[in-house]
Amino acid sequence: MNNAVRYCRICKETDANKFYPLNHKKCKKCSNEYQNKKYLDKKDKGLIVSSIKNRIDYIYIITNPAWPKYIKIGRATNIENRLRSYQTSSPYRDYQISFQIQSNHSHKIERYFADKYRPKETDKYIVNEWYELSVEDAIKEIHSIILQS
């Protein structure tokens, strides 16, 4: 364990038990207050929507030709940003949005696919909402869930 003396630059705390493991500049109390202040500042500037009820969610399907049998089903408020985050992991930048739909039931749809297509113990490499499923079949199921809700 690291025996270095920690020193909170805000309140001057030195008790090592009052620091997060990787934070050497602020104690837990000051770190939390700082994060809350940053959040409130953003909220005051209108950068954060205060209610999840006001949030617009989309269900999306992302595919990659390198894995033609697999699709990624997820939800996001900004699909283009989500796609960009995937593109950084591919030198070919070949992920594509195959389907998207705005839905008030995005949590329910995402949970449905997670429960129905959860990988078996033997499929240890299939994680993070990637499913062995065709885009067409997934779209049919998504529409069916939306109509039932």
N, C-alpha and C. Protein backbone atom coordinates (compact mmCIF):
# COMPACT_ATOMS: atom_id res chain seq x y z
N MET A 1 0.84 -1.18 0.00
CA MET A 1 0.00 0.00 0.00
C MET A 1 0.88 1.24 0.00
N ASN A 2 0.42 2.25 -0.67
CA ASN A 2 1.16 3.49 -0.77
C ASN A 2 1.09 4.27 0.54
N ASN A 3 2.22 4.57 1.13
CA ASN A 3 2.26 5.29 2.41
C ASN A 3 2.45 6.79 2.22
N ALA A 4 2.29 7.28 1.01
CA ALA A 4 2.46 8.70 0.76
C ALA A 4 1.42 9.50 1.53
N VAL A 5 1.82 10.61 2.04
CA VAL A 5 0.91 11.48 2.79
C VAL A 5 0.02 12.22 1.79
N ARG A 6 -1.25 12.14 2.02
CA ARG A 6 -2.19 12.86 1.17
C ARG A 6 -2.58 14.15 1.88
N TYR A 7 -2.88 15.14 1.05
CA TYR A 7 -3.17 16.45 1.60
C TYR A 7 -4.24 17.08 0.72
N CYS A 8 -5.45 17.26 1.26
CA CYS A 8 -6.54 17.85 0.49
C CYS A 8 -6.23 19.31 0.24
N ARG A 9 -6.23 19.70 -1.00
CA ARG A 9 -5.88 21.07 -1.34
C ARG A 9 -6.99 22.07 -0.99
N ILE A 10 -8.18 21.57 -0.62
CA ILE A 10 -9.28 22.46 -0.27
C ILE A 10 -9.44 22.61 1.24
N CYS A 11 -9.59 21.47 1.95
CA CYS A 11 -9.85 21.55 3.40
C CYS A 11 -8.65 21.16 4.25
N LYS A 12 -7.55 20.78 3.60
CA LYS A 12 -6.29 20.43 4.27
C LYS A 12 -6.34 19.11 5.02
N GLU A 13 -7.34 18.27 4.73
CA GLU A 13 -7.46 16.94 5.35
C GLU A 13 -6.23 16.10 5.02
N THR A 14 -5.77 15.30 6.01
CA THR A 14 -4.61 14.43 5.78
C THR A 14 -4.89 12.96 6.12
N ASP A 15 -6.08 12.64 6.63
CA ASP A 15 -6.42 11.26 6.98
C ASP A 15 -6.59 10.44 5.69
N ALA A 16 -5.72 9.48 5.46
CA ALA A 16 -5.72 8.69 4.22
C ALA A 16 -7.03 7.95 4.00
N ASN A 17 -7.75 7.61 5.05
CA ASN A 17 -9.02 6.89 4.92
C ASN A 17 -10.13 7.77 4.36
N LYS A 18 -9.91 9.05 4.30
CA LYS A 18 -10.93 9.98 3.82
C LYS A 18 -10.69 10.40 2.37
N PHE A 19 -9.86 9.64 1.65
CA PHE A 19 -9.56 9.92 0.24
C PHE A 19 -10.02 8.74 -0.60
N TYR A 20 -10.47 9.04 -1.83
CA TYR A 20 -10.72 7.96 -2.79
C TYR A 20 -9.37 7.40 -3.20
N PRO A 21 -9.32 6.12 -3.59
CA PRO A 21 -8.03 5.47 -3.86
C PRO A 21 -7.12 6.21 -4.85
N LEU A 22 -7.67 6.77 -5.92
CA LEU A 22 -6.82 7.38 -6.94
C LEU A 22 -6.83 8.91 -6.89
N ASN A 23 -7.50 9.48 -5.92
CA ASN A 23 -7.56 10.93 -5.84
C ASN A 23 -6.58 11.40 -4.78
N HIS A 24 -5.57 12.11 -5.21
CA HIS A 24 -4.55 12.57 -4.26
C HIS A 24 -4.66 14.05 -3.95
N LYS A 25 -5.57 14.75 -4.62
CA LYS A 25 -5.64 16.20 -4.44
C LYS A 25 -6.80 16.66 -3.57
N LYS A 26 -7.89 15.84 -3.53
CA LYS A 26 -9.06 16.23 -2.75
C LYS A 26 -9.55 15.03 -1.94
N CYS A 27 -10.03 15.29 -0.73
CA CYS A 27 -10.63 14.23 0.09
C CYS A 27 -12.01 13.90 -0.49
N LYS A 28 -12.64 12.83 0.03
CA LYS A 28 -13.94 12.40 -0.48
C LYS A 28 -14.98 13.50 -0.36
N LYS A 29 -15.03 14.15 0.79
CA LYS A 29 -16.03 15.20 1.02
C LYS A 29 -15.87 16.33 0.01
N CYS A 30 -14.66 16.81 -0.18
CA CYS A 30 -14.42 17.91 -1.11
C CYS A 30 -14.62 17.48 -2.56
N SER A 31 -14.27 16.22 -2.88
CA SER A 31 -14.49 15.71 -4.23
C SER A 31 -15.97 15.68 -4.55
N ASN A 32 -16.77 15.18 -3.59
CA ASN A 32 -18.22 15.11 -3.81
C ASN A 32 -18.82 16.51 -3.95
N GLU A 33 -18.40 17.43 -3.10
CA GLU A 33 -18.91 18.80 -3.19
C GLU A 33 -18.53 19.44 -4.52
N TYR A 34 -17.31 19.17 -4.98
CA TYR A 34 -16.85 19.72 -6.25
C TYR A 34 -17.68 19.16 -7.41
N GLN A 35 -17.94 17.84 -7.40
CA GLN A 35 -18.75 17.23 -8.46
C GLN A 35 -20.18 17.77 -8.42
N ASN A 36 -20.75 17.93 -7.23
CA ASN A 36 -22.11 18.48 -7.11
C ASN A 36 -22.16 19.91 -7.64
N LYS A 37 -21.13 20.70 -7.35
CA LYS A 37 -21.09 22.09 -7.83
C LYS A 37 -21.00 22.12 -9.35
N LYS A 38 -20.16 21.24 -9.92
CA LYS A 38 -20.05 21.17 -11.39
C LYS A 38 -21.40 20.80 -12.01
N TYR A 39 -22.09 19.84 -11.38
CA TYR A 39 -23.39 19.42 -11.88
C TYR A 39 -24.38 20.59 -11.82
N LEU A 40 -24.44 21.26 -10.67
CA LEU A 40 -25.38 22.37 -10.51
C LEU A 40 -25.07 23.52 -11.46
N ASP A 41 -23.77 23.79 -11.68
CA ASP A 41 -23.39 24.84 -12.63
C ASP A 41 -23.88 24.50 -14.03
N LYS A 42 -23.71 23.25 -14.43
CA LYS A 42 -24.18 22.83 -15.76
C LYS A 42 -25.70 22.90 -15.84
N LYS A 43 -26.37 22.50 -14.75
CA LYS A 43 -27.82 22.53 -14.73
C LYS A 43 -28.32 23.98 -14.85
N ASP A 44 -27.68 24.90 -14.12
CA ASP A 44 -28.05 26.32 -14.20
C ASP A 44 -27.86 26.89 -15.60
N LYS A 45 -26.86 26.40 -16.30
CA LYS A 45 -26.60 26.89 -17.66
C LYS A 45 -27.48 26.19 -18.70
N GLY A 46 -28.34 25.26 -18.25
CA GLY A 46 -29.23 24.56 -19.17
C GLY A 46 -28.56 23.42 -19.92
N LEU A 47 -27.40 22.99 -19.45
CA LEU A 47 -26.68 21.92 -20.13
C LEU A 47 -27.14 20.54 -19.68
N ILE A 48 -27.90 20.48 -18.59
CA ILE A 48 -28.39 19.21 -18.08
C ILE A 48 -29.90 19.30 -17.95
N VAL A 49 -30.60 18.33 -18.53
CA VAL A 49 -32.04 18.27 -18.36
C VAL A 49 -32.31 17.64 -17.01
N SER A 50 -33.08 18.31 -16.19
CA SER A 50 -33.24 17.87 -14.81
C SER A 50 -34.11 16.64 -14.64
N SER A 51 -34.97 16.35 -15.60
CA SER A 51 -35.89 15.24 -15.43
C SER A 51 -35.71 14.21 -16.53
N ILE A 52 -35.64 12.95 -16.14
CA ILE A 52 -35.53 11.88 -17.12
C ILE A 52 -36.81 11.82 -17.96
N LYS A 53 -37.93 12.26 -17.41
CA LYS A 53 -39.19 12.24 -18.16
C LYS A 53 -39.10 13.10 -19.42
N ASN A 54 -38.28 14.13 -19.40
CA ASN A 54 -38.14 15.03 -20.55
C ASN A 54 -37.15 14.51 -21.58
N ARG A 55 -36.46 13.44 -21.27
CA ARG A 55 -35.41 12.94 -22.14
C ARG A 55 -36.00 12.15 -23.31
N ILE A 56 -35.44 12.36 -24.49
CA ILE A 56 -35.86 11.62 -25.67
C ILE A 56 -34.88 10.48 -25.87
N ASP A 57 -35.39 9.26 -25.79
CA ASP A 57 -34.55 8.07 -25.97
C ASP A 57 -34.83 7.44 -27.32
N TYR A 58 -33.80 6.82 -27.85
CA TYR A 58 -33.91 6.06 -29.09
C TYR A 58 -33.42 4.64 -28.84
N ILE A 59 -34.06 3.71 -29.49
CA ILE A 59 -33.54 2.35 -29.58
C ILE A 59 -32.80 2.29 -30.90
N TYR A 60 -31.63 1.68 -30.91
CA TYR A 60 -30.87 1.61 -32.15
C TYR A 60 -30.32 0.20 -32.34
N ILE A 61 -29.98 -0.08 -33.59
CA ILE A 61 -29.28 -1.30 -33.94
C ILE A 61 -28.03 -0.88 -34.70
N ILE A 62 -26.89 -1.31 -34.19
CA ILE A 62 -25.61 -1.03 -34.85
C ILE A 62 -25.07 -2.36 -35.36
N THR A 63 -24.52 -2.32 -36.56
CA THR A 63 -23.92 -3.51 -37.16
C THR A 63 -22.50 -3.20 -37.62
N ASN A 64 -21.77 -4.28 -37.88
CA ASN A 64 -20.42 -4.15 -38.41
C ASN A 64 -20.21 -5.32 -39.37
N PRO A 65 -19.76 -5.05 -40.59
CA PRO A 65 -19.59 -6.13 -41.56
C PRO A 65 -18.57 -7.18 -41.13
N ALA A 66 -17.71 -6.86 -40.19
CA ALA A 66 -16.74 -7.84 -39.70
C ALA A 66 -17.44 -8.96 -38.92
N TRP A 67 -18.63 -8.68 -38.38
CA TRP A 67 -19.40 -9.67 -37.63
C TRP A 67 -20.82 -9.69 -38.19
N PRO A 68 -21.02 -10.28 -39.36
CA PRO A 68 -22.32 -10.19 -40.04
C PRO A 68 -23.47 -10.86 -39.30
N LYS A 69 -23.20 -11.80 -38.42
CA LYS A 69 -24.28 -12.50 -37.72
C LYS A 69 -24.70 -11.78 -36.43
N TYR A 70 -23.98 -10.74 -36.03
CA TYR A 70 -24.25 -10.09 -34.75
C TYR A 70 -24.71 -8.65 -34.93
N ILE A 71 -25.61 -8.24 -34.03
CA ILE A 71 -26.08 -6.86 -34.01
C ILE A 71 -25.98 -6.32 -32.59
N LYS A 72 -25.83 -5.04 -32.47
CA LYS A 72 -25.81 -4.37 -31.17
C LYS A 72 -27.13 -3.65 -31.02
N ILE A 73 -27.87 -3.96 -29.97
CA ILE A 73 -29.13 -3.28 -29.69
C ILE A 73 -28.94 -2.49 -28.40
N GLY A 74 -29.25 -1.22 -28.46
CA GLY A 74 -29.08 -0.39 -27.28
C GLY A 74 -30.00 0.80 -27.32
N ARG A 75 -29.82 1.67 -26.36
CA ARG A 75 -30.62 2.91 -26.30
C ARG A 75 -29.68 4.07 -26.03
N ALA A 76 -30.06 5.21 -26.52
CA ALA A 76 -29.23 6.40 -26.34
C ALA A 76 -30.09 7.63 -26.60
N THR A 77 -29.65 8.75 -26.08
CA THR A 77 -30.31 10.00 -26.38
C THR A 77 -29.69 10.64 -27.62
N ASN A 78 -28.45 10.28 -27.92
CA ASN A 78 -27.77 10.81 -29.10
C ASN A 78 -27.08 9.65 -29.81
N ILE A 79 -27.70 9.15 -30.84
CA ILE A 79 -27.21 7.95 -31.52
C ILE A 79 -25.91 8.23 -32.27
N GLU A 80 -25.79 9.40 -32.85
CA GLU A 80 -24.57 9.73 -33.59
C GLU A 80 -23.35 9.72 -32.66
N ASN A 81 -23.50 10.24 -31.46
CA ASN A 81 -22.40 10.19 -30.49
C ASN A 81 -22.08 8.75 -30.11
N ARG A 82 -23.12 7.94 -29.94
CA ARG A 82 -22.89 6.54 -29.60
C ARG A 82 -22.13 5.84 -30.72
N LEU A 83 -22.53 6.10 -31.96
CA LEU A 83 -21.85 5.49 -33.10
C LEU A 83 -20.39 5.94 -33.16
N ARG A 84 -20.15 7.21 -32.93
CA ARG A 84 -18.76 7.71 -32.93
C ARG A 84 -17.92 7.00 -31.88
N SER A 85 -18.50 6.71 -30.73
CA SER A 85 -17.74 6.01 -29.69
C SER A 85 -17.34 4.61 -30.13
N TYR A 86 -18.17 3.96 -30.93
CA TYR A 86 -17.81 2.65 -31.48
C TYR A 86 -16.75 2.78 -32.57
N GLN A 87 -16.86 3.81 -33.39
CA GLN A 87 -15.93 3.97 -34.50
C GLN A 87 -14.49 4.08 -34.02
N THR A 88 -14.27 4.62 -32.84
CA THR A 88 -12.90 4.76 -32.36
C THR A 88 -12.22 3.42 -32.12
N SER A 89 -13.02 2.36 -31.97
CA SER A 89 -12.42 1.04 -31.73
C SER A 89 -12.18 0.27 -33.03
N SER A 90 -12.52 0.86 -34.15
CA SER A 90 -12.33 0.17 -35.42
C SER A 90 -11.47 1.00 -36.36
N PRO A 91 -10.36 0.45 -36.82
CA PRO A 91 -9.51 1.21 -37.74
C PRO A 91 -10.20 1.49 -39.07
N TYR A 92 -11.24 0.71 -39.39
CA TYR A 92 -11.95 0.89 -40.66
C TYR A 92 -13.15 1.81 -40.53
N ARG A 93 -13.50 2.17 -39.31
CA ARG A 93 -14.67 3.03 -39.05
C ARG A 93 -15.90 2.47 -39.79
N ASP A 94 -16.13 1.15 -39.60
CA ASP A 94 -17.15 0.48 -40.38
C ASP A 94 -18.41 0.09 -39.61
N TYR A 95 -18.60 0.64 -38.41
CA TYR A 95 -19.86 0.43 -37.71
C TYR A 95 -20.92 1.29 -38.40
N GLN A 96 -22.14 0.80 -38.44
CA GLN A 96 -23.20 1.59 -39.06
C GLN A 96 -24.50 1.42 -38.29
N ILE A 97 -25.31 2.47 -38.31
CA ILE A 97 -26.63 2.40 -37.70
C ILE A 97 -27.55 1.75 -38.71
N SER A 98 -28.09 0.60 -38.37
CA SER A 98 -28.97 -0.13 -39.28
C SER A 98 -30.44 0.17 -39.01
N PHE A 99 -30.73 0.68 -37.82
CA PHE A 99 -32.11 0.98 -37.46
C PHE A 99 -32.10 1.91 -36.25
N GLN A 100 -33.08 2.81 -36.22
CA GLN A 100 -33.28 3.64 -35.04
C GLN A 100 -34.74 4.04 -34.97
N ILE A 101 -35.24 4.16 -33.75
CA ILE A 101 -36.63 4.58 -33.55
C ILE A 101 -36.73 5.25 -32.18
N GLN A 102 -37.45 6.35 -32.15
CA GLN A 102 -37.69 7.03 -30.87
C GLN A 102 -38.74 6.24 -30.11
N SER A 103 -38.54 6.07 -28.81
CA SER A 103 -39.47 5.28 -28.03
C SER A 103 -39.51 5.72 -26.58
N ASN A 104 -40.71 5.72 -26.02
CA ASN A 104 -40.87 5.96 -24.58
C ASN A 104 -40.64 4.69 -23.78
N HIS A 105 -40.40 3.59 -24.49
CA HIS A 105 -40.23 2.29 -23.84
C HIS A 105 -38.83 1.73 -24.06
N SER A 106 -37.85 2.59 -24.20
CA SER A 106 -36.51 2.12 -24.53
C SER A 106 -35.93 1.20 -23.46
N HIS A 107 -36.21 1.48 -22.18
CA HIS A 107 -35.72 0.61 -21.11
C HIS A 107 -36.33 -0.79 -21.23
N LYS A 108 -37.62 -0.83 -21.49
CA LYS A 108 -38.33 -2.10 -21.60
C LYS A 108 -37.81 -2.91 -22.79
N ILE A 109 -37.58 -2.25 -23.91
CA ILE A 109 -37.11 -2.94 -25.11
C ILE A 109 -35.71 -3.49 -24.89
N GLU A 110 -34.85 -2.66 -24.32
CA GLU A 110 -33.48 -3.10 -24.06
C GLU A 110 -33.46 -4.29 -23.10
N ARG A 111 -34.28 -4.23 -22.06
CA ARG A 111 -34.36 -5.32 -21.08
C ARG A 111 -34.90 -6.59 -21.73
N TYR A 112 -35.88 -6.46 -22.62
CA TYR A 112 -36.44 -7.60 -23.32
C TYR A 112 -35.35 -8.38 -24.06
N PHE A 113 -34.53 -7.66 -24.83
CA PHE A 113 -33.48 -8.33 -25.60
C PHE A 113 -32.41 -8.92 -24.68
N ALA A 114 -32.09 -8.21 -23.61
CA ALA A 114 -31.09 -8.73 -22.68
C ALA A 114 -31.56 -10.02 -22.04
N ASP A 115 -32.84 -10.08 -21.69
CA ASP A 115 -33.37 -11.29 -21.06
C ASP A 115 -33.54 -12.43 -22.07
N LYS A 116 -34.06 -12.13 -23.23
CA LYS A 116 -34.35 -13.18 -24.22
C LYS A 116 -33.10 -13.74 -24.86
N TYR A 117 -32.12 -12.87 -25.12
CA TYR A 117 -30.93 -13.31 -25.86
C TYR A 117 -29.66 -13.29 -25.01
N ARG A 118 -29.84 -13.37 -23.72
CA ARG A 118 -28.67 -13.42 -22.83
C ARG A 118 -27.78 -14.58 -23.23
N PRO A 119 -26.47 -14.35 -23.35
CA PRO A 119 -25.59 -15.44 -23.78
C PRO A 119 -25.52 -16.56 -22.75
N LYS A 120 -25.32 -17.75 -23.25
CA LYS A 120 -25.16 -18.91 -22.37
C LYS A 120 -23.77 -18.87 -21.75
N GLU A 121 -23.55 -19.71 -20.77
CA GLU A 121 -22.24 -19.77 -20.11
C GLU A 121 -21.11 -20.04 -21.10
N THR A 122 -21.41 -20.78 -22.15
CA THR A 122 -20.36 -21.13 -23.12
C THR A 122 -20.02 -19.96 -24.04
N ASP A 123 -20.90 -18.98 -24.14
CA ASP A 123 -20.67 -17.84 -25.04
C ASP A 123 -20.03 -16.68 -24.27
N LYS A 124 -18.87 -16.89 -23.74
CA LYS A 124 -18.26 -15.89 -22.87
C LYS A 124 -17.84 -14.62 -23.60
N TYR A 125 -17.68 -14.69 -24.91
CA TYR A 125 -17.20 -13.52 -25.64
C TYR A 125 -18.32 -12.65 -26.20
N ILE A 126 -19.56 -13.06 -26.01
CA ILE A 126 -20.69 -12.28 -26.51
C ILE A 126 -21.27 -11.50 -25.33
N VAL A 127 -20.95 -10.24 -25.27
CA VAL A 127 -21.40 -9.41 -24.16
C VAL A 127 -21.80 -8.03 -24.68
N ASN A 128 -22.28 -7.20 -23.77
CA ASN A 128 -22.57 -5.80 -24.05
C ASN A 128 -23.62 -5.61 -25.14
N GLU A 129 -24.70 -6.36 -25.04
CA GLU A 129 -25.86 -6.19 -25.90
C GLU A 129 -25.59 -6.47 -27.38
N TRP A 130 -24.62 -7.31 -27.65
CA TRP A 130 -24.42 -7.83 -29.02
C TRP A 130 -25.13 -9.17 -29.08
N TYR A 131 -25.98 -9.32 -30.08
CA TYR A 131 -26.80 -10.53 -30.16
C TYR A 131 -26.66 -11.18 -31.54
N GLU A 132 -26.72 -12.50 -31.56
CA GLU A 132 -26.72 -13.24 -32.82
C GLU A 132 -28.17 -13.28 -33.31
N LEU A 133 -28.47 -12.29 -34.14
CA LEU A 133 -29.85 -12.05 -34.56
C LEU A 133 -29.81 -11.20 -35.82
N SER A 134 -30.74 -11.41 -36.73
CA SER A 134 -30.77 -10.57 -37.94
C SER A 134 -31.39 -9.22 -37.62
N VAL A 135 -31.03 -8.23 -38.37
CA VAL A 135 -31.59 -6.87 -38.20
C VAL A 135 -33.10 -6.93 -38.40
N GLU A 136 -33.54 -7.65 -39.42
CA GLU A 136 -34.97 -7.73 -39.74
C GLU A 136 -35.77 -8.33 -38.58
N ASP A 137 -35.27 -9.42 -38.00
CA ASP A 137 -35.97 -10.05 -36.88
C ASP A 137 -36.00 -9.13 -35.66
N ALA A 138 -34.91 -8.45 -35.41
CA ALA A 138 -34.86 -7.53 -34.27
C ALA A 138 -35.86 -6.38 -34.45
N ILE A 139 -35.94 -5.84 -35.67
CA ILE A 139 -36.88 -4.75 -35.94
C ILE A 139 -38.32 -5.21 -35.71
N LYS A 140 -38.65 -6.43 -36.16
CA LYS A 140 -40.00 -6.97 -35.93
C LYS A 140 -40.31 -7.06 -34.44
N GLU A 141 -39.34 -7.53 -33.67
CA GLU A 141 -39.56 -7.66 -32.22
C GLU A 141 -39.70 -6.29 -31.56
N ILE A 142 -38.90 -5.34 -31.99
CA ILE A 142 -38.98 -3.99 -31.42
C ILE A 142 -40.37 -3.40 -31.69
N HIS A 143 -40.83 -3.49 -32.93
CA HIS A 143 -42.16 -2.96 -33.27
C HIS A 143 -43.25 -3.68 -32.47
N SER A 144 -43.10 -4.97 -32.29
CA SER A 144 -44.09 -5.74 -31.52
C SER A 144 -44.14 -5.25 -30.08
N ILE A 145 -43.01 -5.00 -29.47
CA ILE A 145 -42.96 -4.51 -28.08
C ILE A 145 -43.60 -3.14 -27.99
N ILE A 146 -43.31 -2.27 -28.95
CA ILE A 146 -43.88 -0.93 -28.93
C ILE A 146 -45.40 -0.98 -29.07
N LEU A 147 -45.90 -1.84 -29.95
CA LEU A 147 -47.35 -1.96 -30.13
C LEU A 147 -48.05 -2.52 -28.89
N GLN A 148 -47.36 -3.39 -28.15
CA GLN A 148 -47.94 -3.98 -26.94
C GLN A 148 -47.94 -3.00 -25.77
N SER A 149 -47.08 -2.02 -25.81
CA SER A 149 -46.93 -1.10 -24.67
C SER A 149 -47.96 0.00 -24.68
